[in-house]
Amino acid sequence: MTLNHTMSNPECRRHLLPIRDALDILSGKWKLQILVSLLLGNKRFREMQREVDGITARMLSKELKELEMNRLVKRTVHDTTPVTVEYSLTDYGRSLQPVLTALENWGLEHRRRILTEALPV
């Protein structure tokens, strides 16, 4: 998509609708952080809670259920004593890796620019 100031309203909607859909699924303070944590490997609940700094158990549970409902995360219950539950990304969830990498790179560049501009000349 390239920005074009002469875009008609229906054409604009055609570009905005899929972005809105993606943001509806991925927005909020925690979902992207959870996905990045799972990109680095399967996790048990407490492991993820330690990695995603500041998230409560209740919020993590809620976000995982939403990610699972959208088929991005898989919850696996292992028949062990005690029972263990592991979370992983689905293939569909792993398809977000280029998006997350692009966001990370943009965030690093943005941080660099802001900190560089904040320094006195």
PDB file of N, CA and C in Angstrom:
ATOM      1  N   MET A   1       0.846  -1.166   0.000  1.00  0.00           N
ATOM      2  CA  MET A   1       0.000   0.000   0.000  1.00  0.00           C
ATOM      3  C   MET A   1       0.893   1.231   0.000  1.00  0.00           C
ATOM      4  N   THR A   2       0.629   2.135  -0.883  1.00  0.00           N
ATOM      5  CA  THR A   2       1.310   3.419  -0.870  1.00  0.00           C
ATOM      6  C   THR A   2       0.277   4.486  -0.575  1.00  0.00           C
ATOM      7  N   LEU A   3       0.696   5.492   0.153  1.00  0.00           N
ATOM      8  CA  LEU A   3      -0.227   6.565   0.470  1.00  0.00           C
ATOM      9  C   LEU A   3      -0.431   7.430  -0.758  1.00  0.00           C
ATOM     10  N   ASN A   4      -1.681   7.672  -1.076  1.00  0.00           N
ATOM     11  CA  ASN A   4      -2.028   8.466  -2.240  1.00  0.00           C
ATOM     12  C   ASN A   4      -3.124   9.423  -1.807  1.00  0.00           C
ATOM     13  N   HIS A   5      -2.862  10.698  -1.904  1.00  0.00           N
ATOM     14  CA  HIS A   5      -3.826  11.696  -1.428  1.00  0.00           C
ATOM     15  C   HIS A   5      -5.070  11.774  -2.292  1.00  0.00           C
ATOM     16  N   THR A   6      -5.087  11.130  -3.445  1.00  0.00           N
ATOM     17  CA  THR A   6      -6.250  11.174  -4.318  1.00  0.00           C
ATOM     18  C   THR A   6      -7.111   9.920  -4.174  1.00  0.00           C
ATOM     19  N   MET A   7      -6.857   9.115  -3.135  1.00  0.00           N
ATOM     20  CA  MET A   7      -7.629   7.892  -2.939  1.00  0.00           C
ATOM     21  C   MET A   7      -9.099   8.225  -2.725  1.00  0.00           C
ATOM     22  N   SER A   8      -9.942   7.476  -3.398  1.00  0.00           N
ATOM     23  CA  SER A   8     -11.373   7.664  -3.203  1.00  0.00           C
ATOM     24  C   SER A   8     -11.776   7.036  -1.876  1.00  0.00           C
ATOM     25  N   ASN A   9     -12.921   7.435  -1.376  1.00  0.00           N
ATOM     26  CA  ASN A   9     -13.408   6.928  -0.104  1.00  0.00           C
ATOM     27  C   ASN A   9     -13.515   5.408  -0.082  1.00  0.00           C
ATOM     28  N   PRO A  10     -14.135   4.760  -1.086  1.00  0.00           N
ATOM     29  CA  PRO A  10     -14.186   3.281  -1.072  1.00  0.00           C
ATOM     30  C   PRO A  10     -12.793   2.648  -1.117  1.00  0.00           C
ATOM     31  N   GLU A  11     -11.876   3.258  -1.841  1.00  0.00           N
ATOM     32  CA  GLU A  11     -10.521   2.722  -1.892  1.00  0.00           C
ATOM     33  C   GLU A  11      -9.839   2.859  -0.535  1.00  0.00           C
ATOM     34  N   CYS A  12     -10.084   3.967   0.117  1.00  0.00           N
ATOM     35  CA  CYS A  12      -9.532   4.175   1.461  1.00  0.00           C
ATOM     36  C   CYS A  12     -10.073   3.104   2.406  1.00  0.00           C
ATOM     37  N   ARG A  13     -11.366   2.866   2.355  1.00  0.00           N
ATOM     38  CA  ARG A  13     -11.981   1.833   3.205  1.00  0.00           C
ATOM     39  C   ARG A  13     -11.392   0.461   2.916  1.00  0.00           C
ATOM     40  N   ARG A  14     -11.103   0.204   1.634  1.00  0.00           N
ATOM     41  CA  ARG A  14     -10.536  -1.091   1.245  1.00  0.00           C
ATOM     42  C   ARG A  14      -9.179  -1.317   1.920  1.00  0.00           C
ATOM     43  N   HIS A  15      -8.423  -0.253   2.132  1.00  0.00           N
ATOM     44  CA  HIS A  15      -7.132  -0.361   2.807  1.00  0.00           C
ATOM     45  C   HIS A  15      -7.288  -0.358   4.324  1.00  0.00           C
ATOM     46  N   LEU A  16      -8.234   0.396   4.824  1.00  0.00           N
ATOM     47  CA  LEU A  16      -8.387   0.537   6.275  1.00  0.00           C
ATOM     48  C   LEU A  16      -9.072  -0.656   6.934  1.00  0.00           C
ATOM     49  N   LEU A  17      -9.991  -1.285   6.253  1.00  0.00           N
ATOM     50  CA  LEU A  17     -10.741  -2.391   6.852  1.00  0.00           C
ATOM     51  C   LEU A  17      -9.843  -3.530   7.329  1.00  0.00           C
ATOM     52  N   PRO A  18      -8.909  -4.037   6.502  1.00  0.00           N
ATOM     53  CA  PRO A  18      -8.062  -5.117   7.015  1.00  0.00           C
ATOM     54  C   PRO A  18      -7.135  -4.664   8.145  1.00  0.00           C
ATOM     55  N   ILE A  19      -6.730  -3.408   8.122  1.00  0.00           N
ATOM     56  CA  ILE A  19      -5.899  -2.891   9.220  1.00  0.00           C
ATOM     57  C   ILE A  19      -6.719  -2.832  10.496  1.00  0.00           C
ATOM     58  N   ARG A  20      -7.949  -2.376  10.390  1.00  0.00           N
ATOM     59  CA  ARG A  20      -8.832  -2.340  11.562  1.00  0.00           C
ATOM     60  C   ARG A  20      -9.065  -3.752  12.106  1.00  0.00           C
ATOM     61  N   ASP A  21      -9.288  -4.715  11.201  1.00  0.00           N
ATOM     62  CA  ASP A  21      -9.489  -6.104  11.633  1.00  0.00           C
ATOM     63  C   ASP A  21      -8.266  -6.612  12.398  1.00  0.00           C
ATOM     64  N   ALA A  22      -7.074  -6.340  11.849  1.00  0.00           N
ATOM     65  CA  ALA A  22      -5.841  -6.791  12.509  1.00  0.00           C
ATOM     66  C   ALA A  22      -5.698  -6.138  13.877  1.00  0.00           C
ATOM     67  N   LEU A  23      -5.959  -4.833  13.950  1.00  0.00           N
ATOM     68  CA  LEU A  23      -5.828  -4.133  15.235  1.00  0.00           C
ATOM     69  C   LEU A  23      -6.862  -4.609  16.243  1.00  0.00           C
ATOM     70  N   ASP A  24      -8.056  -4.967  15.785  1.00  0.00           N
ATOM     71  CA  ASP A  24      -9.069  -5.503  16.698  1.00  0.00           C
ATOM     72  C   ASP A  24      -8.568  -6.770  17.385  1.00  0.00           C
ATOM     73  N   ILE A  25      -7.839  -7.590  16.658  1.00  0.00           N
ATOM     74  CA  ILE A  25      -7.349  -8.856  17.212  1.00  0.00           C
ATOM     75  C   ILE A  25      -6.077  -8.660  18.033  1.00  0.00           C
ATOM     76  N   LEU A  26      -5.207  -7.734  17.618  1.00  0.00           N
ATOM     77  CA  LEU A  26      -3.877  -7.611  18.217  1.00  0.00           C
ATOM     78  C   LEU A  26      -3.719  -6.422  19.167  1.00  0.00           C
ATOM     79  N   SER A  27      -4.721  -5.575  19.259  1.00  0.00           N
ATOM     80  CA  SER A  27      -4.545  -4.346  20.033  1.00  0.00           C
ATOM     81  C   SER A  27      -4.549  -4.607  21.530  1.00  0.00           C
ATOM     82  N   GLY A  28      -4.133  -3.596  22.234  1.00  0.00           N
ATOM     83  CA  GLY A  28      -4.055  -3.670  23.680  1.00  0.00           C
ATOM     84  C   GLY A  28      -2.609  -3.713  24.119  1.00  0.00           C
ATOM     85  N   LYS A  29      -2.429  -3.623  25.386  1.00  0.00           N
ATOM     86  CA  LYS A  29      -1.091  -3.534  25.967  1.00  0.00           C
ATOM     87  C   LYS A  29      -0.345  -4.862  25.944  1.00  0.00           C
ATOM     88  N   TRP A  30      -1.070  -5.989  25.912  1.00  0.00           N
ATOM     89  CA  TRP A  30      -0.439  -7.273  26.219  1.00  0.00           C
ATOM     90  C   TRP A  30      -0.311  -8.255  25.073  1.00  0.00           C
ATOM     91  N   LYS A  31      -1.215  -8.240  24.119  1.00  0.00           N
ATOM     92  CA  LYS A  31      -1.266  -9.323  23.127  1.00  0.00           C
ATOM     93  C   LYS A  31       0.027  -9.470  22.335  1.00  0.00           C
ATOM     94  N   LEU A  32       0.569  -8.365  21.850  1.00  0.00           N
ATOM     95  CA  LEU A  32       1.802  -8.461  21.069  1.00  0.00           C
ATOM     96  C   LEU A  32       2.956  -8.973  21.926  1.00  0.00           C
ATOM     97  N   GLN A  33       2.991  -8.567  23.189  1.00  0.00           N
ATOM     98  CA  GLN A  33       4.045  -9.050  24.080  1.00  0.00           C
ATOM     99  C   GLN A  33       3.920 -10.560  24.321  1.00  0.00           C
ATOM    100  N   ILE A  34       2.703 -11.031  24.457  1.00  0.00           N
ATOM    101  CA  ILE A  34       2.467 -12.468  24.635  1.00  0.00           C
ATOM    102  C   ILE A  34       2.909 -13.222  23.387  1.00  0.00           C
ATOM    103  N   LEU A  35       2.553 -12.700  22.217  1.00  0.00           N
ATOM    104  CA  LEU A  35       2.936 -13.354  20.966  1.00  0.00           C
ATOM    105  C   LEU A  35       4.448 -13.406  20.801  1.00  0.00           C
ATOM    106  N   VAL A  36       5.132 -12.323  21.147  1.00  0.00           N
ATOM    107  CA  VAL A  36       6.599 -12.322  21.062  1.00  0.00           C
ATOM    108  C   VAL A  36       7.179 -13.349  22.020  1.00  0.00           C
ATOM    109  N   SER A  37       6.645 -13.422  23.223  1.00  0.00           N
ATOM    110  CA  SER A  37       7.113 -14.411  24.188  1.00  0.00           C
ATOM    111  C   SER A  37       6.980 -15.825  23.616  1.00  0.00           C
ATOM    112  N   LEU A  38       5.862 -16.091  22.962  1.00  0.00           N
ATOM    113  CA  LEU A  38       5.632 -17.428  22.398  1.00  0.00           C
ATOM    114  C   LEU A  38       6.431 -17.668  21.119  1.00  0.00           C
ATOM    115  N   LEU A  39       6.801 -16.603  20.416  1.00  0.00           N
ATOM    116  CA  LEU A  39       7.681 -16.776  19.257  1.00  0.00           C
ATOM    117  C   LEU A  39       9.030 -17.331  19.683  1.00  0.00           C
ATOM    118  N   LEU A  40       9.403 -17.040  20.918  1.00  0.00           N
ATOM    119  CA  LEU A  40      10.686 -17.499  21.445  1.00  0.00           C
ATOM    120  C   LEU A  40      10.604 -18.912  22.023  1.00  0.00           C
ATOM    121  N   GLY A  41       9.436 -19.533  21.932  1.00  0.00           N
ATOM    122  CA  GLY A  41       9.290 -20.915  22.390  1.00  0.00           C
ATOM    123  C   GLY A  41       8.012 -21.134  23.176  1.00  0.00           C
ATOM    124  N   ASN A  42       7.606 -22.394  23.263  1.00  0.00           N
ATOM    125  CA  ASN A  42       6.415 -22.763  24.024  1.00  0.00           C
ATOM    126  C   ASN A  42       6.628 -22.403  25.486  1.00  0.00           C
ATOM    127  N   LYS A  43       5.539 -22.036  26.151  1.00  0.00           N
ATOM    128  CA  LYS A  43       5.653 -21.594  27.537  1.00  0.00           C
ATOM    129  C   LYS A  43       4.511 -22.142  28.379  1.00  0.00           C
ATOM    130  N   ARG A  44       4.824 -22.340  29.647  1.00  0.00           N
ATOM    131  CA  ARG A  44       3.782 -22.577  30.625  1.00  0.00           C
ATOM    132  C   ARG A  44       3.296 -21.219  31.107  1.00  0.00           C
ATOM    133  N   PHE A  45       2.149 -21.207  31.749  1.00  0.00           N
ATOM    134  CA  PHE A  45       1.492 -19.959  32.147  1.00  0.00           C
ATOM    135  C   PHE A  45       2.410 -19.069  32.989  1.00  0.00           C
ATOM    136  N   ARG A  46       2.994 -19.629  34.024  1.00  0.00           N
ATOM    137  CA  ARG A  46       3.842 -18.828  34.938  1.00  0.00           C
ATOM    138  C   ARG A  46       5.097 -18.302  34.241  1.00  0.00           C
ATOM    139  N   GLU A  47       5.645 -19.093  33.325  1.00  0.00           N
ATOM    140  CA  GLU A  47       6.810 -18.621  32.562  1.00  0.00           C
ATOM    141  C   GLU A  47       6.452 -17.363  31.783  1.00  0.00           C
ATOM    142  N   MET A  48       5.295 -17.411  31.132  1.00  0.00           N
ATOM    143  CA  MET A  48       4.858 -16.266  30.351  1.00  0.00           C
ATOM    144  C   MET A  48       4.590 -15.064  31.243  1.00  0.00           C
ATOM    145  N   GLN A  49       3.995 -15.315  32.379  1.00  0.00           N
ATOM    146  CA  GLN A  49       3.688 -14.215  33.298  1.00  0.00           C
ATOM    147  C   GLN A  49       4.974 -13.537  33.764  1.00  0.00           C
ATOM    148  N   ARG A  50       6.038 -14.314  33.971  1.00  0.00           N
ATOM    149  CA  ARG A  50       7.329 -13.726  34.364  1.00  0.00           C
ATOM    150  C   ARG A  50       7.943 -12.920  33.215  1.00  0.00           C
ATOM    151  N   GLU A  51       7.776 -13.408  31.984  1.00  0.00           N
ATOM    152  CA  GLU A  51       8.376 -12.730  30.838  1.00  0.00           C
ATOM    153  C   GLU A  51       7.649 -11.451  30.451  1.00  0.00           C
ATOM    154  N   VAL A  52       6.335 -11.469  30.543  1.00  0.00           N
ATOM    155  CA  VAL A  52       5.542 -10.297  30.165  1.00  0.00           C
ATOM    156  C   VAL A  52       5.394  -9.432  31.411  1.00  0.00           C
ATOM    157  N   ASP A  53       6.336  -8.550  31.575  1.00  0.00           N
ATOM    158  CA  ASP A  53       6.465  -7.745  32.786  1.00  0.00           C
ATOM    159  C   ASP A  53       5.219  -6.919  33.084  1.00  0.00           C
ATOM    160  N   GLY A  54       4.651  -7.134  34.262  1.00  0.00           N
ATOM    161  CA  GLY A  54       3.534  -6.326  34.730  1.00  0.00           C
ATOM    162  C   GLY A  54       2.154  -6.906  34.481  1.00  0.00           C
ATOM    163  N   ILE A  55       2.044  -7.989  33.733  1.00  0.00           N
ATOM    164  CA  ILE A  55       0.725  -8.556  33.455  1.00  0.00           C
ATOM    165  C   ILE A  55       0.255  -9.376  34.659  1.00  0.00           C
ATOM    166  N   THR A  56      -1.026  -9.253  34.980  1.00  0.00           N
ATOM    167  CA  THR A  56      -1.587 -10.051  36.069  1.00  0.00           C
ATOM    168  C   THR A  56      -2.008 -11.418  35.530  1.00  0.00           C
ATOM    169  N   ALA A  57      -2.168 -12.366  36.422  1.00  0.00           N
ATOM    170  CA  ALA A  57      -2.600 -13.710  36.020  1.00  0.00           C
ATOM    171  C   ALA A  57      -3.970 -13.647  35.352  1.00  0.00           C
ATOM    172  N   ARG A  58      -4.844 -12.832  35.895  1.00  0.00           N
ATOM    173  CA  ARG A  58      -6.197 -12.704  35.342  1.00  0.00           C
ATOM    174  C   ARG A  58      -6.161 -12.148  33.913  1.00  0.00           C
ATOM    175  N   MET A  59      -5.353 -11.120  33.689  1.00  0.00           N
ATOM    176  CA  MET A  59      -5.248 -10.509  32.364  1.00  0.00           C
ATOM    177  C   MET A  59      -4.579 -11.467  31.376  1.00  0.00           C
ATOM    178  N   LEU A  60      -3.538 -12.160  31.819  1.00  0.00           N
ATOM    179  CA  LEU A  60      -2.866 -13.118  30.945  1.00  0.00           C
ATOM    180  C   LEU A  60      -3.837 -14.212  30.514  1.00  0.00           C
ATOM    181  N   SER A  61      -4.620 -14.703  31.447  1.00  0.00           N
ATOM    182  CA  SER A  61      -5.610 -15.739  31.135  1.00  0.00           C
ATOM    183  C   SER A  61      -6.618 -15.225  30.112  1.00  0.00           C
ATOM    184  N   LYS A  62      -7.114 -14.015  30.306  1.00  0.00           N
ATOM    185  CA  LYS A  62      -8.080 -13.408  29.390  1.00  0.00           C
ATOM    186  C   LYS A  62      -7.480 -13.245  27.992  1.00  0.00           C
ATOM    187  N   GLU A  63      -6.270 -12.712  27.931  1.00  0.00           N
ATOM    188  CA  GLU A  63      -5.629 -12.474  26.634  1.00  0.00           C
ATOM    189  C   GLU A  63      -5.322 -13.792  25.917  1.00  0.00           C
ATOM    190  N   LEU A  64      -4.872 -14.793  26.649  1.00  0.00           N
ATOM    191  CA  LEU A  64      -4.598 -16.102  26.039  1.00  0.00           C
ATOM    192  C   LEU A  64      -5.871 -16.716  25.469  1.00  0.00           C
ATOM    193  N   LYS A  65      -6.977 -16.581  26.185  1.00  0.00           N
ATOM    194  CA  LYS A  65      -8.255 -17.113  25.681  1.00  0.00           C
ATOM    195  C   LYS A  65      -8.649 -16.417  24.385  1.00  0.00           C
ATOM    196  N   GLU A  66      -8.466 -15.096  24.315  1.00  0.00           N
ATOM    197  CA  GLU A  66      -8.801 -14.361  23.095  1.00  0.00           C
ATOM    198  C   GLU A  66      -7.879 -14.761  21.937  1.00  0.00           C
ATOM    199  N   LEU A  67      -6.592 -14.906  22.233  1.00  0.00           N
ATOM    200  CA  LEU A  67      -5.656 -15.325  21.193  1.00  0.00           C
ATOM    201  C   LEU A  67      -5.961 -16.744  20.722  1.00  0.00           C
ATOM    202  N   GLU A  68      -6.371 -17.591  21.643  1.00  0.00           N
ATOM    203  CA  GLU A  68      -6.753 -18.963  21.288  1.00  0.00           C
ATOM    204  C   GLU A  68      -8.026 -18.958  20.447  1.00  0.00           C
ATOM    205  N   MET A  69      -8.985 -18.120  20.814  1.00  0.00           N
ATOM    206  CA  MET A  69     -10.236 -18.013  20.070  1.00  0.00           C
ATOM    207  C   MET A  69      -9.977 -17.550  18.623  1.00  0.00           C
ATOM    208  N   ASN A  70      -8.961 -16.716  18.445  1.00  0.00           N
ATOM    209  CA  ASN A  70      -8.611 -16.230  17.113  1.00  0.00           C
ATOM    210  C   ASN A  70      -7.595 -17.124  16.411  1.00  0.00           C
ATOM    211  N   ARG A  71      -7.350 -18.299  16.989  1.00  0.00           N
ATOM    212  CA  ARG A  71      -6.512 -19.348  16.398  1.00  0.00           C
ATOM    213  C   ARG A  71      -5.040 -18.957  16.232  1.00  0.00           C
ATOM    214  N   LEU A  72      -4.584 -18.072  17.101  1.00  0.00           N
ATOM    215  CA  LEU A  72      -3.182 -17.675  17.073  1.00  0.00           C
ATOM    216  C   LEU A  72      -2.358 -18.472  18.075  1.00  0.00           C
ATOM    217  N   VAL A  73      -3.004 -18.918  19.138  1.00  0.00           N
ATOM    218  CA  VAL A  73      -2.342 -19.640  20.231  1.00  0.00           C
ATOM    219  C   VAL A  73      -3.050 -20.965  20.453  1.00  0.00           C
ATOM    220  N   LYS A  74      -2.249 -21.967  20.765  1.00  0.00           N
ATOM    221  CA  LYS A  74      -2.787 -23.298  21.076  1.00  0.00           C
ATOM    222  C   LYS A  74      -2.471 -23.614  22.532  1.00  0.00           C
ATOM    223  N   ARG A  75      -3.461 -24.129  23.234  1.00  0.00           N
ATOM    224  CA  ARG A  75      -3.309 -24.548  24.632  1.00  0.00           C
ATOM    225  C   ARG A  75      -3.290 -26.064  24.648  1.00  0.00           C
ATOM    226  N   THR A  76      -2.210 -26.638  25.217  1.00  0.00           N
ATOM    227  CA  THR A  76      -2.073 -28.083  25.273  1.00  0.00           C
ATOM    228  C   THR A  76      -2.001 -28.520  26.729  1.00  0.00           C
ATOM    229  N   VAL A  77      -2.888 -29.431  27.107  1.00  0.00           N
ATOM    230  CA  VAL A  77      -2.893 -29.985  28.458  1.00  0.00           C
ATOM    231  C   VAL A  77      -2.157 -31.316  28.410  1.00  0.00           C
ATOM    232  N   HIS A  78      -1.092 -31.432  29.189  1.00  0.00           N
ATOM    233  CA  HIS A  78      -0.300 -32.657  29.239  1.00  0.00           C
ATOM    234  C   HIS A  78      -0.777 -33.523  30.394  1.00  0.00           C
ATOM    235  N   ASP A  79      -0.914 -34.806  30.135  1.00  0.00           N
ATOM    236  CA  ASP A  79      -1.392 -35.761  31.129  1.00  0.00           C
ATOM    237  C   ASP A  79      -0.236 -36.169  32.036  1.00  0.00           C
ATOM    238  N   THR A  80       0.130 -35.253  32.915  1.00  0.00           N
ATOM    239  CA  THR A  80       1.204 -35.501  33.874  1.00  0.00           C
ATOM    240  C   THR A  80       0.649 -35.306  35.272  1.00  0.00           C
ATOM    241  N   THR A  81       1.449 -35.643  36.249  1.00  0.00           N
ATOM    242  CA  THR A  81       1.062 -35.394  37.634  1.00  0.00           C
ATOM    243  C   THR A  81       2.073 -34.437  38.244  1.00  0.00           C
ATOM    244  N   PRO A  82       1.701 -33.243  38.598  1.00  0.00           N
ATOM    245  CA  PRO A  82       0.395 -32.629  38.336  1.00  0.00           C
ATOM    246  C   PRO A  82       0.238 -32.303  36.856  1.00  0.00           C
ATOM    247  N   VAL A  83      -0.990 -32.027  36.459  1.00  0.00           N
ATOM    248  CA  VAL A  83      -1.283 -31.698  35.064  1.00  0.00           C
ATOM    249  C   VAL A  83      -0.524 -30.423  34.695  1.00  0.00           C
ATOM    250  N   THR A  84       0.099 -30.423  33.530  1.00  0.00           N
ATOM    251  CA  THR A  84       0.770 -29.213  33.054  1.00  0.00           C
ATOM    252  C   THR A  84       0.083 -28.726  31.786  1.00  0.00           C
ATOM    253  N   VAL A  85       0.061 -27.410  31.665  1.00  0.00           N
ATOM    254  CA  VAL A  85      -0.548 -26.765  30.504  1.00  0.00           C
ATOM    255  C   VAL A  85       0.537 -25.946  29.818  1.00  0.00           C
ATOM    256  N   GLU A  86       0.615 -26.100  28.515  1.00  0.00           N
ATOM    257  CA  GLU A  86       1.628 -25.391  27.738  1.00  0.00           C
ATOM    258  C   GLU A  86       0.946 -24.611  26.622  1.00  0.00           C
ATOM    259  N   TYR A  87       1.458 -23.429  26.362  1.00  0.00           N
ATOM    260  CA  TYR A  87       0.927 -22.587  25.293  1.00  0.00           C
ATOM    261  C   TYR A  87       1.965 -22.495  24.188  1.00  0.00           C
ATOM    262  N   SER A  88       1.472 -22.478  22.957  1.00  0.00           N
ATOM    263  CA  SER A  88       2.353 -22.355  21.799  1.00  0.00           C
ATOM    264  C   SER A  88       1.624 -21.573  20.718  1.00  0.00           C
ATOM    265  N   LEU A  89       2.389 -21.089  19.766  1.00  0.00           N
ATOM    266  CA  LEU A  89       1.786 -20.431  18.627  1.00  0.00           C
ATOM    267  C   LEU A  89       1.334 -21.475  17.621  1.00  0.00           C
ATOM    268  N   THR A  90       0.229 -21.228  16.994  1.00  0.00           N
ATOM    269  CA  THR A  90      -0.201 -22.054  15.873  1.00  0.00           C
ATOM    270  C   THR A  90       0.611 -21.617  14.649  1.00  0.00           C
ATOM    271  N   ASP A  91       0.508 -22.353  13.571  1.00  0.00           N
ATOM    272  CA  ASP A  91       1.150 -21.918  12.324  1.00  0.00           C
ATOM    273  C   ASP A  91       0.634 -20.539  11.932  1.00  0.00           C
ATOM    274  N   TYR A  92      -0.662 -20.343  12.122  1.00  0.00           N
ATOM    275  CA  TYR A  92      -1.282 -19.055  11.819  1.00  0.00           C
ATOM    276  C   TYR A  92      -0.686 -17.956  12.706  1.00  0.00           C
ATOM    277  N   GLY A  93      -0.477 -18.248  13.983  1.00  0.00           N
ATOM    278  CA  GLY A  93       0.144 -17.287  14.894  1.00  0.00           C
ATOM    279  C   GLY A  93       1.579 -16.977  14.486  1.00  0.00           C
ATOM    280  N   ARG A  94       2.299 -18.001  14.035  1.00  0.00           N
ATOM    281  CA  ARG A  94       3.684 -17.792  13.583  1.00  0.00           C
ATOM    282  C   ARG A  94       3.754 -16.933  12.325  1.00  0.00           C
ATOM    283  N   SER A  95       2.644 -16.859  11.583  1.00  0.00           N
ATOM    284  CA  SER A  95       2.634 -16.017  10.385  1.00  0.00           C
ATOM    285  C   SER A  95       2.760 -14.533  10.741  1.00  0.00           C
ATOM    286  N   LEU A  96       2.613 -14.189  12.010  1.00  0.00           N
ATOM    287  CA  LEU A  96       2.777 -12.801  12.460  1.00  0.00           C
ATOM    288  C   LEU A  96       4.241 -12.419  12.682  1.00  0.00           C
ATOM    289  N   GLN A  97       5.153 -13.370  12.586  1.00  0.00           N
ATOM    290  CA  GLN A  97       6.560 -13.075  12.863  1.00  0.00           C
ATOM    291  C   GLN A  97       7.102 -11.904  12.035  1.00  0.00           C
ATOM    292  N   PRO A  98       6.857 -11.828  10.722  1.00  0.00           N
ATOM    293  CA  PRO A  98       7.378 -10.670   9.978  1.00  0.00           C
ATOM    294  C   PRO A  98       6.787  -9.343  10.465  1.00  0.00           C
ATOM    295  N   VAL A  99       5.525  -9.356  10.862  1.00  0.00           N
ATOM    296  CA  VAL A  99       4.879  -8.141  11.373  1.00  0.00           C
ATOM    297  C   VAL A  99       5.528  -7.728  12.689  1.00  0.00           C
ATOM    298  N   LEU A 100       5.744  -8.689  13.575  1.00  0.00           N
ATOM    299  CA  LEU A 100       6.351  -8.398  14.877  1.00  0.00           C
ATOM    300  C   LEU A 100       7.797  -7.948  14.714  1.00  0.00           C
ATOM    301  N   THR A 101       8.517  -8.550  13.786  1.00  0.00           N
ATOM    302  CA  THR A 101       9.899  -8.136  13.518  1.00  0.00           C
ATOM    303  C   THR A 101       9.922  -6.711  12.976  1.00  0.00           C
ATOM    304  N   ALA A 102       8.998  -6.391  12.073  1.00  0.00           N
ATOM    305  CA  ALA A 102       8.920  -5.028  11.533  1.00  0.00           C
ATOM    306  C   ALA A 102       8.595  -4.028  12.635  1.00  0.00           C
ATOM    307  N   LEU A 103       7.675  -4.379  13.538  1.00  0.00           N
ATOM    308  CA  LEU A 103       7.350  -3.491  14.661  1.00  0.00           C
ATOM    309  C   LEU A 103       8.550  -3.303  15.584  1.00  0.00           C
ATOM    310  N   GLU A 104       9.268  -4.382  15.839  1.00  0.00           N
ATOM    311  CA  GLU A 104      10.459  -4.290  16.684  1.00  0.00           C
ATOM    312  C   GLU A 104      11.489  -3.361  16.046  1.00  0.00           C
ATOM    313  N   ASN A 105      11.753  -3.548  14.761  1.00  0.00           N
ATOM    314  CA  ASN A 105      12.729  -2.708  14.067  1.00  0.00           C
ATOM    315  C   ASN A 105      12.301  -1.247  14.053  1.00  0.00           C
ATOM    316  N   TRP A 106      11.022  -1.012  13.800  1.00  0.00           N
ATOM    317  CA  TRP A 106      10.523   0.360  13.803  1.00  0.00           C
ATOM    318  C   TRP A 106      10.659   0.968  15.198  1.00  0.00           C
ATOM    319  N   GLY A 107      10.322   0.193  16.217  1.00  0.00           N
ATOM    320  CA  GLY A 107      10.429   0.675  17.598  1.00  0.00           C
ATOM    321  C   GLY A 107      11.862   1.008  17.979  1.00  0.00           C
ATOM    322  N   LEU A 108      12.809   0.185  17.549  1.00  0.00           N
ATOM    323  CA  LEU A 108      14.223   0.468  17.824  1.00  0.00           C
ATOM    324  C   LEU A 108      14.656   1.764  17.149  1.00  0.00           C
ATOM    325  N   GLU A 109      14.257   1.938  15.896  1.00  0.00           N
ATOM    326  CA  GLU A 109      14.608   3.158  15.161  1.00  0.00           C
ATOM    327  C   GLU A 109      13.937   4.380  15.787  1.00  0.00           C
ATOM    328  N   HIS A 110      12.693   4.236  16.161  1.00  0.00           N
ATOM    329  CA  HIS A 110      11.969   5.346  16.789  1.00  0.00           C
ATOM    330  C   HIS A 110      12.639   5.742  18.113  1.00  0.00           C
ATOM    331  N   ARG A 111      12.973   4.766  18.914  1.00  0.00           N
ATOM    332  CA  ARG A 111      13.644   5.029  20.197  1.00  0.00           C
ATOM    333  C   ARG A 111      14.972   5.738  19.958  1.00  0.00           C
ATOM    334  N   ARG A 112      15.719   5.268  18.955  1.00  0.00           N
ATOM    335  CA  ARG A 112      17.008   5.890  18.645  1.00  0.00           C
ATOM    336  C   ARG A 112      16.817   7.351  18.242  1.00  0.00           C
ATOM    337  N   ARG A 113      15.839   7.611  17.380  1.00  0.00           N
ATOM    338  CA  ARG A 113      15.587   8.983  16.923  1.00  0.00           C
ATOM    339  C   ARG A 113      15.176   9.890  18.073  1.00  0.00           C
ATOM    340  N   ILE A 114      14.269   9.424  18.883  1.00  0.00           N
ATOM    341  CA  ILE A 114      13.760  10.244  19.989  1.00  0.00           C
ATOM    342  C   ILE A 114      14.888  10.539  20.968  1.00  0.00           C
ATOM    343  N   LEU A 115      15.672   9.524  21.316  1.00  0.00           N
ATOM    344  CA  LEU A 115      16.759   9.743  22.272  1.00  0.00           C
ATOM    345  C   LEU A 115      17.843  10.626  21.675  1.00  0.00           C
ATOM    346  N   THR A 116      18.118  10.484  20.388  1.00  0.00           N
ATOM    347  CA  THR A 116      19.125  11.305  19.729  1.00  0.00           C
ATOM    348  C   THR A 116      18.660  12.759  19.672  1.00  0.00           C
ATOM    349  N   GLU A 117      17.392  12.979  19.357  1.00  0.00           N
ATOM    350  CA  GLU A 117      16.862  14.345  19.270  1.00  0.00           C
ATOM    351  C   GLU A 117      16.742  14.979  20.642  1.00  0.00           C
ATOM    352  N   ALA A 118      16.617  14.177  21.673  1.00  0.00           N
ATOM    353  CA  ALA A 118      16.484  14.717  23.033  1.00  0.00           C
ATOM    354  C   ALA A 118      17.823  15.205  23.591  1.00  0.00           C
ATOM    355  N   LEU A 119      18.920  14.741  23.007  1.00  0.00           N
ATOM    356  CA  LEU A 119      20.233  15.154  23.494  1.00  0.00           C
ATOM    357  C   LEU A 119      20.523  16.593  23.078  1.00  0.00           C
ATOM    358  N   PRO A 120      21.117  17.375  23.975  1.00  0.00           N
ATOM    359  CA  PRO A 120      21.463  18.762  23.596  1.00  0.00           C
ATOM    360  C   PRO A 120      22.555  18.768  22.527  1.00  0.00           C
ATOM    361  N   VAL A 121      22.473  19.720  21.632  1.00  0.00           N
ATOM    362  CA  VAL A 121      23.429  19.814  20.523  1.00  0.00           C
ATOM    363  C   VAL A 121      24.697  20.520  20.944  1.00  0.00           C
TER     364      VAL A 121
END
